[in-house]
């Protein structure tokens, strides 16, 4: 079960640099996680100031 980023994302970019497999990138209105590359480690959720990354 991969993580995804909710609409609560404020596009701060904190999650992108924390991802050990670099599966997070800037989308049009928020950051997005590639579910095929996500290893479900939760590093993104640990650093997000608005708790936007959630497990599916």
Protein backbone atom coordinates (compact mmCIF):
# COMPACT_ATOMS: atom_id res chain seq x y z
CA UNK A 1 0.00 0.00 0.00
CA UNK A 2 1.76 3.13 -1.23
CA UNK A 3 1.45 6.59 0.24
CA UNK A 4 -0.40 9.39 -1.56
CA UNK A 5 -0.51 13.14 -0.95
CA UNK A 6 -3.84 14.75 -0.09
CA UNK A 7 -5.12 18.13 -1.21
CA UNK A 8 -3.88 19.52 2.13
CA UNK A 9 -0.40 19.75 0.54
CA UNK A 10 1.02 23.29 0.62
CA UNK A 11 3.82 22.46 -1.86
CA UNK A 12 6.60 23.22 0.62
CA UNK A 13 8.82 20.43 -0.76
CA UNK A 14 9.87 19.01 2.61
CA UNK A 15 8.79 15.51 1.62
CA UNK A 16 10.65 15.36 -1.69
CA UNK A 17 14.13 15.49 -0.19
CA UNK A 18 13.26 12.98 2.55
CA UNK A 19 12.13 10.21 0.20
CA UNK A 20 14.86 7.53 0.09
CA UNK A 21 13.74 6.27 -3.34
CA UNK A 22 13.00 9.67 -4.93
CA UNK A 23 9.41 8.81 -5.85
CA UNK A 24 8.00 12.25 -4.89
CA UNK A 25 7.87 15.09 -7.39
CA UNK A 26 6.16 18.44 -7.84
CA UNK A 27 2.80 18.19 -9.55
CA UNK A 28 0.61 20.94 -10.98
CA UNK A 29 -0.98 21.96 -7.68
CA UNK A 30 0.68 19.71 -5.09
CA UNK A 31 3.45 17.16 -4.73
CA UNK A 32 2.72 13.64 -5.98
CA UNK A 33 4.02 10.19 -5.12
CA UNK A 34 4.65 7.54 -7.76
CA UNK A 35 2.85 4.53 -6.23
CA UNK A 36 4.89 2.04 -8.24
CA UNK A 37 8.14 3.29 -6.68
CA UNK A 38 6.91 4.05 -3.14
CA UNK A 39 8.35 1.67 -0.52
CA UNK A 40 5.85 2.73 2.16
CA UNK A 41 8.52 3.93 4.59
CA UNK A 42 6.57 6.95 5.85
CA UNK A 43 9.55 9.33 5.75
CA UNK A 44 7.44 11.85 3.84
CA UNK A 45 4.69 11.78 6.46
CA UNK A 46 7.21 12.29 9.26
CA UNK A 47 8.39 15.65 7.88
CA UNK A 48 5.19 17.08 6.40
CA UNK A 49 4.02 20.17 8.34
CA UNK A 50 0.37 19.66 7.30
CA UNK A 51 0.17 15.83 7.45
CA UNK A 52 -0.64 15.55 3.73
CA UNK A 53 1.02 12.17 2.93
CA UNK A 54 -1.29 9.29 3.85
CA UNK A 55 -1.08 5.52 3.34
CA UNK A 56 -3.61 4.27 0.79
